[in-house]
């Protein structure tokens, strides 16, 4: 069996809000909650498993998503629309 990245855990104050926020921006469906995690799955199947961390400190992390120019432009438009309405970022 080859080695493949399966998932990474994304720490959040509120996993439902954070995962739904990115799902809206990228136009992706949210996955079904599994244990303490709420997954968001891009096309390549590697899940971003959101988890609540309570009052623990959240360390900055870097996630790079490869998307087409068209998808990027759509996502950027949705992000800008949220900013104009005063909605908080992810």
C-alpha atoms as a PDB file:
ATOM      1  CA  UNK A   1       0.000   0.000   0.000  1.00  0.00           C
ATOM      2  CA  UNK A   2       1.291   3.455  -0.845  1.00  0.00           C
ATOM      3  CA  UNK A   3       1.445   6.166   1.792  1.00  0.00           C
ATOM      4  CA  UNK A   4      -1.168   8.894   1.430  1.00  0.00           C
ATOM      5  CA  UNK A   5      -2.171  11.819   3.619  1.00  0.00           C
ATOM      6  CA  UNK A   6      -5.656  11.035   4.963  1.00  0.00           C
ATOM      7  CA  UNK A   7      -6.558  14.053   7.088  1.00  0.00           C
ATOM      8  CA  UNK A   8      -5.304  16.914   9.178  1.00  0.00           C
ATOM      9  CA  UNK A   9      -6.894  18.384  12.281  1.00  0.00           C
ATOM     10  CA  UNK A  10      -7.932  22.029  12.277  1.00  0.00           C
ATOM     11  CA  UNK A  11      -8.280  23.581  15.749  1.00  0.00           C
ATOM     12  CA  UNK A  12     -11.216  25.947  16.169  1.00  0.00           C
ATOM     13  CA  UNK A  13     -13.096  27.824  18.847  1.00  0.00           C
ATOM     14  CA  UNK A  14     -16.343  26.630  17.229  1.00  0.00           C
ATOM     15  CA  UNK A  15     -15.827  23.841  14.707  1.00  0.00           C
ATOM     16  CA  UNK A  16     -19.326  24.190  13.241  1.00  0.00           C
ATOM     17  CA  UNK A  17     -18.920  27.905  12.539  1.00  0.00           C
ATOM     18  CA  UNK A  18     -15.357  27.588  11.236  1.00  0.00           C
ATOM     19  CA  UNK A  19     -15.961  24.579   8.995  1.00  0.00           C
ATOM     20  CA  UNK A  20     -19.210  26.019   7.615  1.00  0.00           C
ATOM     21  CA  UNK A  21     -17.485  29.317   6.913  1.00  0.00           C
ATOM     22  CA  UNK A  22     -14.751  27.741   4.792  1.00  0.00           C
ATOM     23  CA  UNK A  23     -17.277  25.415   3.146  1.00  0.00           C
ATOM     24  CA  UNK A  24     -19.305  28.450   2.001  1.00  0.00           C
ATOM     25  CA  UNK A  25     -16.234  30.263   0.695  1.00  0.00           C
ATOM     26  CA  UNK A  26     -14.965  27.250  -1.259  1.00  0.00           C
ATOM     27  CA  UNK A  27     -18.450  25.979  -2.201  1.00  0.00           C
ATOM     28  CA  UNK A  28     -17.845  22.575  -0.604  1.00  0.00           C
ATOM     29  CA  UNK A  29     -20.294  20.390   1.327  1.00  0.00           C
ATOM     30  CA  UNK A  30     -19.675  19.722   4.997  1.00  0.00           C
ATOM     31  CA  UNK A  31     -19.128  16.115   5.971  1.00  0.00           C
ATOM     32  CA  UNK A  32     -20.985  14.131   8.596  1.00  0.00           C
ATOM     33  CA  UNK A  33     -19.669  14.694  12.139  1.00  0.00           C
ATOM     34  CA  UNK A  34     -17.475  11.822  13.320  1.00  0.00           C
ATOM     35  CA  UNK A  35     -16.613  11.680  16.991  1.00  0.00           C
ATOM     36  CA  UNK A  36     -15.377  15.127  18.024  1.00  0.00           C
ATOM     37  CA  UNK A  37     -14.608  16.083  14.403  1.00  0.00           C
ATOM     38  CA  UNK A  38     -16.499  17.911  11.657  1.00  0.00           C
ATOM     39  CA  UNK A  39     -14.854  17.114   8.301  1.00  0.00           C
ATOM     40  CA  UNK A  40     -14.575  19.256   5.214  1.00  0.00           C
ATOM     41  CA  UNK A  41     -13.371  17.223   2.242  1.00  0.00           C
ATOM     42  CA  UNK A  42     -11.827  18.761  -0.884  1.00  0.00           C
ATOM     43  CA  UNK A  43     -11.820  16.847  -4.200  1.00  0.00           C
ATOM     44  CA  UNK A  44      -8.657  14.841  -3.424  1.00  0.00           C
ATOM     45  CA  UNK A  45     -10.254  13.240  -0.356  1.00  0.00           C
ATOM     46  CA  UNK A  46      -7.862  14.532   2.316  1.00  0.00           C
ATOM     47  CA  UNK A  47     -10.163  15.796   5.049  1.00  0.00           C
ATOM     48  CA  UNK A  48      -9.799  18.922   7.134  1.00  0.00           C
ATOM     49  CA  UNK A  49     -11.166  17.619  10.439  1.00  0.00           C
ATOM     50  CA  UNK A  50     -12.334  20.558  12.527  1.00  0.00           C
ATOM     51  CA  UNK A  51     -12.280  20.101  16.302  1.00  0.00           C
ATOM     52  CA  UNK A  52     -13.182  22.429  19.175  1.00  0.00           C
ATOM     53  CA  UNK A  53     -10.229  23.303  21.413  1.00  0.00           C
ATOM     54  CA  UNK A  54     -12.122  25.186  24.101  1.00  0.00           C
ATOM     55  CA  UNK A  55     -10.012  27.845  25.757  1.00  0.00           C
ATOM     56  CA  UNK A  56      -6.698  26.312  24.641  1.00  0.00           C
ATOM     57  CA  UNK A  57      -4.443  28.486  22.534  1.00  0.00           C
ATOM     58  CA  UNK A  58      -4.714  27.972  18.788  1.00  0.00           C
ATOM     59  CA  UNK A  59      -1.377  27.910  17.015  1.00  0.00           C
ATOM     60  CA  UNK A  60      -1.216  29.319  13.479  1.00  0.00           C
ATOM     61  CA  UNK A  61      -1.105  26.619  10.817  1.00  0.00           C
ATOM     62  CA  UNK A  62      -0.750  26.724   7.047  1.00  0.00           C
ATOM     63  CA  UNK A  63      -3.037  24.872   4.644  1.00  0.00           C
ATOM     64  CA  UNK A  64      -2.543  25.177   0.885  1.00  0.00           C
ATOM     65  CA  UNK A  65      -5.399  24.272  -1.450  1.00  0.00           C
ATOM     66  CA  UNK A  66      -4.875  23.923  -5.186  1.00  0.00           C
ATOM     67  CA  UNK A  67      -7.852  25.345  -7.096  1.00  0.00           C
ATOM     68  CA  UNK A  68      -8.454  26.626 -10.602  1.00  0.00           C
ATOM     69  CA  UNK A  69      -8.374  30.339 -11.388  1.00  0.00           C
ATOM     70  CA  UNK A  70     -12.142  30.250 -11.920  1.00  0.00           C
ATOM     71  CA  UNK A  71     -12.781  28.581  -8.561  1.00  0.00           C
ATOM     72  CA  UNK A  72     -10.390  31.034  -6.888  1.00  0.00           C
ATOM     73  CA  UNK A  73     -12.209  34.025  -8.384  1.00  0.00           C
ATOM     74  CA  UNK A  74     -15.553  32.650  -7.141  1.00  0.00           C
ATOM     75  CA  UNK A  75     -14.165  31.964  -3.672  1.00  0.00           C
ATOM     76  CA  UNK A  76     -12.602  35.421  -3.490  1.00  0.00           C
ATOM     77  CA  UNK A  77     -15.923  37.011  -4.496  1.00  0.00           C
ATOM     78  CA  UNK A  78     -17.730  35.093  -1.728  1.00  0.00           C
ATOM     79  CA  UNK A  79     -15.044  36.104   0.778  1.00  0.00           C
ATOM     80  CA  UNK A  80     -15.295  39.767  -0.239  1.00  0.00           C
ATOM     81  CA  UNK A  81     -19.099  39.656   0.014  1.00  0.00           C
ATOM     82  CA  UNK A  82     -18.793  38.324   3.581  1.00  0.00           C
ATOM     83  CA  UNK A  83     -16.361  41.096   4.479  1.00  0.00           C
ATOM     84  CA  UNK A  84     -18.752  43.733   3.160  1.00  0.00           C
ATOM     85  CA  UNK A  85     -21.572  42.354   5.313  1.00  0.00           C
ATOM     86  CA  UNK A  86     -19.343  42.394   8.391  1.00  0.00           C
ATOM     87  CA  UNK A  87     -19.255  38.606   8.798  1.00  0.00           C
ATOM     88  CA  UNK A  88     -16.170  37.484  10.693  1.00  0.00           C
ATOM     89  CA  UNK A  89     -13.506  35.478   8.849  1.00  0.00           C
ATOM     90  CA  UNK A  90     -13.114  31.714   9.415  1.00  0.00           C
END
